[in-house]
């Protein structure tokens, strides 16, 4: 048989082994870790508030299952905090880490665990973005927020009763982050056609499906409803799986994420990551020639921002971010190409009602 190039294809995918989602499951964290054959000491990474509201429950569950538990409080997702966690984990001989909380705690724990080459368990207390499941971490390096490769969680324990009690703004932000998959996949397809960038049909289908589910469920996403938390968590997990299959954040990060990161750099007081991605998606879908009105309507129905005013960001920074966005991760080709003219940026923002006409 004649061997072809395809015979030599190989791919490694890191996926969570256990994903536990439901009411009260945070009390099962110890059991989940035991089932994964983890043992010895562990270190819980959490924010000050989250440590009191959820971290202590996790610690008790782990101790009841025979683990030696240490905790540390983190403030900002900086490299200095990552290094602090690494030192403490080494001093306490931690055999695995747990990130308990929102984005910062989980991002710090997943990056530290990768540097230490030990497992990581994600215990989200809010569904604000898809980083709770993915192999990417948003870290502040040299005063800039960058996305870096990190450890895929060995397990995810998402208690929907806790997530439903978190500020609704966080859940709405998570919805916007998932809906932004629509333009991320369009950018990926564009890069595949124009730059011959590797493309995964499976990953793109999963990514688009998660966005579609949330758009179709927009009227059902409401404050305080545990069923809403359940729907959003399932979508976030699926989005994380899509990224793992792709081996990159491509299925969930395109021009709209570049726009969000540009706002982080330029705006005096940026909004939440998912909120900014949602508004970016409206404009990027317009640039793609797609149905931006559907995106805008869905975000509005959910209660996520759809314009500069709702983001709490001045209009001029929206334009500046649109003009600067193509410089963020320039190796990642998107609909922004080599940049927009100011006229094109203003037109996109005004037509989509992100800024007043």
Protein backbone atom coordinates (compact mmCIF):
# COMPACT_ATOMS: atom_id res chain seq x y z
CA UNK A 1 0.00 0.00 0.00
CA UNK A 2 1.32 3.41 -0.94
CA UNK A 3 1.80 5.64 2.08
CA UNK A 4 0.52 9.17 1.81
CA UNK A 5 1.14 12.27 3.84
CA UNK A 6 -2.10 11.64 5.72
CA UNK A 7 -0.69 8.42 7.19
CA UNK A 8 1.63 10.50 9.34
CA UNK A 9 -0.99 12.79 10.85
CA UNK A 10 -1.14 12.89 14.61
CA UNK A 11 -2.75 15.17 17.16
CA UNK A 12 -2.81 15.49 20.93
CA UNK A 13 -5.96 16.79 22.57
CA UNK A 14 -6.31 17.68 26.25
CA UNK A 15 -9.87 17.43 27.52
CA UNK A 16 -11.29 17.49 31.06
CA UNK A 17 -11.73 13.91 32.28
CA UNK A 18 -14.62 14.76 34.59
CA UNK A 19 -17.13 17.58 34.23
CA UNK A 20 -19.55 17.79 37.15
CA UNK A 21 -22.32 20.37 36.81
CA UNK A 22 -25.35 20.70 39.06
CA UNK A 23 -26.94 21.79 42.32
CA UNK A 24 -24.70 21.43 45.38
CA UNK A 25 -21.90 19.60 43.56
CA UNK A 26 -19.22 21.78 45.16
CA UNK A 27 -19.53 19.52 48.22
CA UNK A 28 -18.45 16.60 46.01
CA UNK A 29 -15.09 18.18 45.08
CA UNK A 30 -13.16 15.81 47.34
CA UNK A 31 -14.89 12.78 45.87
CA UNK A 32 -14.22 14.02 42.33
CA UNK A 33 -10.51 14.38 43.12
CA UNK A 34 -10.40 10.92 44.72
CA UNK A 35 -12.09 9.39 41.67
CA UNK A 36 -9.33 10.93 39.56
CA UNK A 37 -6.74 9.10 41.73
CA UNK A 38 -5.31 12.37 43.00
CA UNK A 39 -3.70 12.20 46.45
CA UNK A 40 -1.47 13.99 48.94
CA UNK A 41 -1.50 17.74 49.44
CA UNK A 42 -3.33 20.34 47.43
CA UNK A 43 -3.42 24.12 47.20
CA UNK A 44 -6.63 26.10 46.74
CA UNK A 45 -6.19 29.34 44.78
CA UNK A 46 -9.02 31.84 45.37
CA UNK A 47 -9.92 35.48 45.82
CA UNK A 48 -10.58 36.80 49.32
CA UNK A 49 -14.37 36.87 48.94
CA UNK A 50 -14.58 33.60 47.05
CA UNK A 51 -12.48 31.80 49.63
CA UNK A 52 -15.12 32.58 52.23
CA UNK A 53 -18.16 31.86 50.04
CA UNK A 54 -16.96 28.71 48.28
CA UNK A 55 -13.31 27.95 49.03
CA UNK A 56 -14.00 26.82 52.59
CA UNK A 57 -16.64 24.37 51.38
CA UNK A 58 -14.13 22.96 48.89
CA UNK A 59 -11.49 22.70 51.62
CA UNK A 60 -13.82 20.78 53.96
CA UNK A 61 -14.80 18.41 51.15
CA UNK A 62 -11.16 17.74 50.33
CA UNK A 63 -10.17 17.24 53.97
CA UNK A 64 -13.06 14.81 54.47
CA UNK A 65 -11.64 12.83 51.54
CA UNK A 66 -8.20 12.63 53.16
CA UNK A 67 -6.35 15.46 51.41
CA UNK A 68 -3.98 17.84 53.16
CA UNK A 69 -5.29 21.29 52.15
CA UNK A 70 -3.59 24.68 51.96
CA UNK A 71 -5.07 27.90 50.63
CA UNK A 72 -3.78 31.13 49.13
CA UNK A 73 -5.54 34.37 48.24
CA UNK A 74 -4.80 36.07 44.92
CA UNK A 75 -5.73 39.57 43.81
CA UNK A 76 -4.85 40.27 40.18
CA UNK A 77 -3.98 37.81 37.38
CA UNK A 78 -0.35 38.89 37.13
CA UNK A 79 2.82 36.91 36.53
CA UNK A 80 3.94 37.88 40.04
CA UNK A 81 0.82 36.20 41.50
CA UNK A 82 1.42 33.11 39.37
CA UNK A 83 4.97 32.89 40.69
CA UNK A 84 3.70 33.34 44.26
CA UNK A 85 1.36 30.39 43.81
CA UNK A 86 4.16 28.29 42.32
CA UNK A 87 6.44 28.98 45.30
CA UNK A 88 3.74 28.14 47.83
CA UNK A 89 2.76 24.98 45.94
CA UNK A 90 6.40 23.84 45.97
CA UNK A 91 6.82 24.66 49.68
CA UNK A 92 3.66 22.72 50.62
CA UNK A 93 4.48 19.86 48.21
CA UNK A 94 1.11 20.25 46.48
CA UNK A 95 0.40 17.41 44.06
CA UNK A 96 -2.39 19.37 42.33
CA UNK A 97 -4.00 22.81 42.35
CA UNK A 98 -7.60 23.99 42.50
CA UNK A 99 -8.75 27.33 41.13
CA UNK A 100 -11.90 28.37 43.00
CA UNK A 101 -13.70 31.50 41.84
CA UNK A 102 -13.92 33.56 38.69
CA UNK A 103 -11.44 34.26 35.95
CA UNK A 104 -8.41 35.46 37.89
CA UNK A 105 -8.21 32.55 40.35
CA UNK A 106 -8.70 29.94 37.68
CA UNK A 107 -6.30 31.56 35.22
CA UNK A 108 -3.56 31.86 37.86
CA UNK A 109 -4.02 28.27 39.01
CA UNK A 110 -4.07 26.80 35.50
CA UNK A 111 -0.90 28.65 34.46
CA UNK A 112 0.94 27.81 37.69
CA UNK A 113 -0.04 24.15 37.37
CA UNK A 114 1.37 24.03 33.85
CA UNK A 115 4.68 25.52 35.02
CA UNK A 116 4.79 23.02 37.89
CA UNK A 117 3.63 20.13 35.67
CA UNK A 118 0.90 19.08 38.10
CA UNK A 119 -2.87 18.62 37.56
CA UNK A 120 -5.39 21.43 37.93
CA UNK A 121 -9.08 21.31 38.91
CA UNK A 122 -11.41 24.17 37.96
CA UNK A 123 -14.15 25.14 40.43
CA UNK A 124 -15.94 28.17 38.93
CA UNK A 125 -18.25 30.27 41.08
CA UNK A 126 -19.42 32.42 38.15
CA UNK A 127 -20.00 31.73 34.46
CA UNK A 128 -18.48 34.95 33.16
CA UNK A 129 -16.33 33.54 30.32
CA UNK A 130 -15.11 30.30 28.72
CA UNK A 131 -11.69 30.41 30.41
CA UNK A 132 -13.05 28.22 33.21
CA UNK A 133 -12.74 25.19 30.92
CA UNK A 134 -10.15 26.14 28.31
CA UNK A 135 -6.40 25.63 28.04
CA UNK A 136 -5.79 29.40 27.79
CA UNK A 137 -5.10 31.88 30.57
CA UNK A 138 -5.52 35.66 30.48
CA UNK A 139 -2.57 37.11 32.38
CA UNK A 140 -1.27 40.64 32.87
CA UNK A 141 2.28 40.77 31.57
CA UNK A 142 4.16 44.09 31.20
CA UNK A 143 0.91 45.94 32.03
CA UNK A 144 -0.88 44.25 29.13
CA UNK A 145 -3.46 41.46 29.25
CA UNK A 146 -2.23 38.56 27.14
CA UNK A 147 -3.65 35.12 26.40
CA UNK A 148 -1.19 32.31 27.11
CA UNK A 149 -1.21 28.56 26.73
CA UNK A 150 -1.99 26.88 30.05
CA UNK A 151 -3.09 23.63 31.64
CA UNK A 152 -6.43 22.16 30.62
CA UNK A 153 -8.39 21.35 33.80
CA UNK A 154 -8.34 17.69 34.74
CA UNK A 155 -11.85 18.21 36.08
CA UNK A 156 -14.49 20.94 36.28
CA UNK A 157 -16.82 21.17 39.28
CA UNK A 158 -19.50 23.77 38.59
CA UNK A 159 -22.15 24.25 41.26
CA UNK A 160 -25.14 25.84 39.53
CA UNK A 161 -26.67 26.98 42.84
CA UNK A 162 -23.57 29.12 43.51
CA UNK A 163 -23.30 30.35 39.92
CA UNK A 164 -26.99 31.36 39.91
CA UNK A 165 -26.41 33.46 43.06
CA UNK A 166 -23.46 35.33 41.55
CA UNK A 167 -24.15 38.82 40.15
CA UNK A 168 -26.24 38.39 37.00
CA UNK A 169 -23.89 40.68 35.11
CA UNK A 170 -21.28 37.89 35.23
CA UNK A 171 -23.66 35.32 33.73
CA UNK A 172 -24.71 37.75 31.00
CA UNK A 173 -21.04 38.38 30.26
CA UNK A 174 -20.47 34.64 29.88
CA UNK A 175 -23.36 34.48 27.43
CA UNK A 176 -21.83 37.30 25.37
CA UNK A 177 -18.46 35.50 25.35
CA UNK A 178 -20.11 32.37 23.95
CA UNK A 179 -22.16 34.27 21.36
CA UNK A 180 -18.90 35.81 20.14
CA UNK A 181 -17.95 32.35 18.85
CA UNK A 182 -19.98 33.20 15.75
CA UNK A 183 -17.52 35.81 14.51
CA UNK A 184 -14.51 33.91 15.86
CA UNK A 185 -15.33 30.97 13.61
CA UNK A 186 -15.95 33.28 10.63
CA UNK A 187 -12.50 34.79 11.17
CA UNK A 188 -11.01 31.31 11.41
CA UNK A 189 -12.67 30.24 8.17
CA UNK A 190 -11.37 33.40 6.51
CA UNK A 191 -7.82 32.72 7.70
CA UNK A 192 -8.12 29.16 6.39
CA UNK A 193 -9.19 30.35 2.94
CA UNK A 194 -6.80 33.28 2.61
CA UNK A 195 -3.79 32.12 4.63
CA UNK A 196 -4.21 28.32 4.52
CA UNK A 197 -4.35 28.25 8.31
CA UNK A 198 -5.16 24.80 9.80
CA UNK A 199 -8.88 24.43 10.37
CA UNK A 200 -10.96 21.90 12.28
CA UNK A 201 -14.47 21.29 11.00
CA UNK A 202 -15.41 19.46 14.22
CA UNK A 203 -14.22 22.29 16.47
CA UNK A 204 -15.96 24.94 14.36
CA UNK A 205 -19.27 23.05 14.41
CA UNK A 206 -19.18 22.69 18.22
CA UNK A 207 -18.26 26.35 18.63
CA UNK A 208 -21.05 27.62 16.39
CA UNK A 209 -23.55 25.26 18.01
CA UNK A 210 -22.84 26.67 21.48
CA UNK A 211 -23.45 30.20 20.19
CA UNK A 212 -26.64 29.09 18.46
CA UNK A 213 -27.96 27.44 21.63
CA UNK A 214 -27.53 30.63 23.63
CA UNK A 215 -29.09 32.82 20.95
CA UNK A 216 -32.09 30.49 20.78
CA UNK A 217 -32.28 30.38 24.61
CA UNK A 218 -31.87 34.15 25.08
CA UNK A 219 -35.38 34.67 26.45
CA UNK A 220 -34.82 31.90 29.01
CA UNK A 221 -31.64 33.38 30.50
CA UNK A 222 -32.77 35.26 33.59
CA UNK A 223 -31.34 36.44 36.93
CA UNK A 224 -31.44 33.99 39.83
CA UNK A 225 -32.57 31.02 37.74
CA UNK A 226 -30.46 27.92 38.28
CA UNK A 227 -31.66 26.56 34.94
CA UNK A 228 -30.05 29.60 33.28
CA UNK A 229 -26.75 28.85 35.03
CA UNK A 230 -27.02 25.25 33.84
CA UNK A 231 -27.58 26.29 30.21
CA UNK A 232 -24.68 28.73 30.20
CA UNK A 233 -22.29 26.31 31.94
CA UNK A 234 -23.02 23.60 29.37
CA UNK A 235 -22.24 26.07 26.59
CA UNK A 236 -19.01 27.20 28.27
CA UNK A 237 -17.86 23.61 28.67
CA UNK A 238 -18.61 22.85 25.03
CA UNK A 239 -16.73 25.96 23.93
CA UNK A 240 -13.73 24.85 25.98
CA UNK A 241 -13.87 21.42 24.36
CA UNK A 242 -13.90 23.06 20.90
CA UNK A 243 -10.69 24.89 21.77
CA UNK A 244 -9.09 21.68 23.03
CA UNK A 245 -9.99 19.89 19.79
CA UNK A 246 -8.57 22.75 17.74
CA UNK A 247 -5.44 22.95 19.85
CA UNK A 248 -5.87 26.73 20.03
CA UNK A 249 -8.37 29.40 21.03
CA UNK A 250 -9.33 29.95 17.37
CA UNK A 251 -12.90 28.55 17.70
CA UNK A 252 -13.71 31.13 20.36
CA UNK A 253 -11.38 34.06 19.79
CA UNK A 254 -11.18 36.28 16.73
CA UNK A 255 -11.56 39.93 15.80
CA UNK A 256 -14.09 40.53 18.58
CA UNK A 257 -11.53 39.41 21.16
CA UNK A 258 -8.89 41.62 19.59
CA UNK A 259 -11.32 44.51 20.00
CA UNK A 260 -11.86 43.60 23.66
CA UNK A 261 -8.13 43.39 24.38
CA UNK A 262 -7.62 46.73 22.61
CA UNK A 263 -10.22 48.28 24.93
CA UNK A 264 -8.38 46.78 27.91
CA UNK A 265 -5.27 48.65 26.79
CA UNK A 266 -6.92 51.94 25.82
CA UNK A 267 -10.03 52.56 27.92
CA UNK A 268 -9.53 54.16 31.36
CA UNK A 269 -12.06 51.76 32.87
CA UNK A 270 -12.73 48.68 30.70
CA UNK A 271 -15.90 46.62 31.09
CA UNK A 272 -15.99 42.85 31.63
CA UNK A 273 -14.19 40.74 29.03
CA UNK A 274 -17.33 38.96 27.81
CA UNK A 275 -19.30 42.22 27.65
CA UNK A 276 -16.68 43.81 25.43
CA UNK A 277 -16.50 40.71 23.22
CA UNK A 278 -20.28 40.82 22.80
CA UNK A 279 -20.27 44.43 21.59
CA UNK A 280 -17.28 43.61 19.40
CA UNK A 281 -19.20 40.71 17.88
CA UNK A 282 -22.00 43.02 16.76
CA UNK A 283 -19.55 45.17 14.79
CA UNK A 284 -17.43 42.28 13.49
CA UNK A 285 -20.52 40.48 12.24
CA UNK A 286 -21.40 43.67 10.34
CA UNK A 287 -17.90 43.68 8.79
CA UNK A 288 -18.39 40.03 7.81
CA UNK A 289 -21.69 40.93 6.14
CA UNK A 290 -23.63 38.71 8.54
CA UNK A 291 -26.76 39.11 10.65
CA UNK A 292 -25.44 41.54 13.28
CA UNK A 293 -29.01 42.51 14.17
CA UNK A 294 -29.66 39.00 15.53
CA UNK A 295 -26.55 39.21 17.68
CA UNK A 296 -27.57 42.62 19.02
CA UNK A 297 -31.13 41.52 19.78
CA UNK A 298 -29.98 38.37 21.60
CA UNK A 299 -27.49 40.26 23.76
CA UNK A 300 -30.13 42.86 24.60
CA UNK A 301 -32.65 40.14 25.50
CA UNK A 302 -30.14 38.48 27.82
CA UNK A 303 -29.27 41.81 29.41
CA UNK A 304 -25.71 42.16 28.12
CA UNK A 305 -24.39 45.51 26.82
CA UNK A 306 -24.87 46.32 23.13
CA UNK A 307 -23.32 49.78 22.93
CA UNK A 308 -20.64 52.09 24.31
CA UNK A 309 -22.98 53.70 26.82
CA UNK A 310 -24.00 50.36 28.34
CA UNK A 311 -20.35 49.34 28.52
CA UNK A 312 -19.61 52.55 30.38
CA UNK A 313 -16.92 53.41 27.85
CA UNK A 314 -16.67 56.71 25.96
CA UNK A 315 -17.38 56.53 22.24
CA UNK A 316 -13.90 57.70 21.22
CA UNK A 317 -12.32 54.66 22.88
CA UNK A 318 -14.57 52.39 20.83
CA UNK A 319 -13.17 53.93 17.64
CA UNK A 320 -9.60 53.87 18.95
CA UNK A 321 -9.98 50.19 19.85
CA UNK A 322 -11.33 49.37 16.39
CA UNK A 323 -8.33 51.11 14.83
CA UNK A 324 -5.83 49.40 17.15
CA UNK A 325 -7.39 45.92 17.33
CA UNK A 326 -5.53 44.44 14.32
CA UNK A 327 -2.26 45.01 16.20
CA UNK A 328 -3.35 42.60 18.94
CA UNK A 329 -1.89 39.18 18.13
CA UNK A 330 -1.07 40.28 14.54
CA UNK A 331 -0.26 36.70 13.58
CA UNK A 332 -3.96 35.83 14.00
CA UNK A 333 -5.64 36.83 10.74
CA UNK A 334 -9.19 38.17 11.02
CA UNK A 335 -11.69 40.31 9.13
CA UNK A 336 -9.77 43.33 10.45
CA UNK A 337 -6.90 42.47 8.10
CA UNK A 338 -4.16 45.07 8.36
CA UNK A 339 -6.50 47.59 9.96
CA UNK A 340 -9.57 49.76 9.38
CA UNK A 341 -9.59 53.36 8.28
CA UNK A 342 -11.13 55.78 10.75
CA UNK A 343 -14.06 56.30 8.37
CA UNK A 344 -14.70 52.55 8.19
CA UNK A 345 -14.44 52.20 11.98
CA UNK A 346 -16.90 55.02 12.59
CA UNK A 347 -19.30 53.63 9.99
CA UNK A 348 -19.25 50.15 11.56
CA UNK A 349 -19.83 51.53 15.04
CA UNK A 350 -22.63 53.89 13.96
CA UNK A 351 -24.53 51.51 11.68
CA UNK A 352 -24.59 48.84 14.39
CA UNK A 353 -25.67 51.49 16.95
CA UNK A 354 -22.65 50.86 19.17
CA UNK A 355 -22.19 54.63 19.11
CA UNK A 356 -24.89 57.18 18.19
CA UNK A 357 -25.25 58.09 14.52
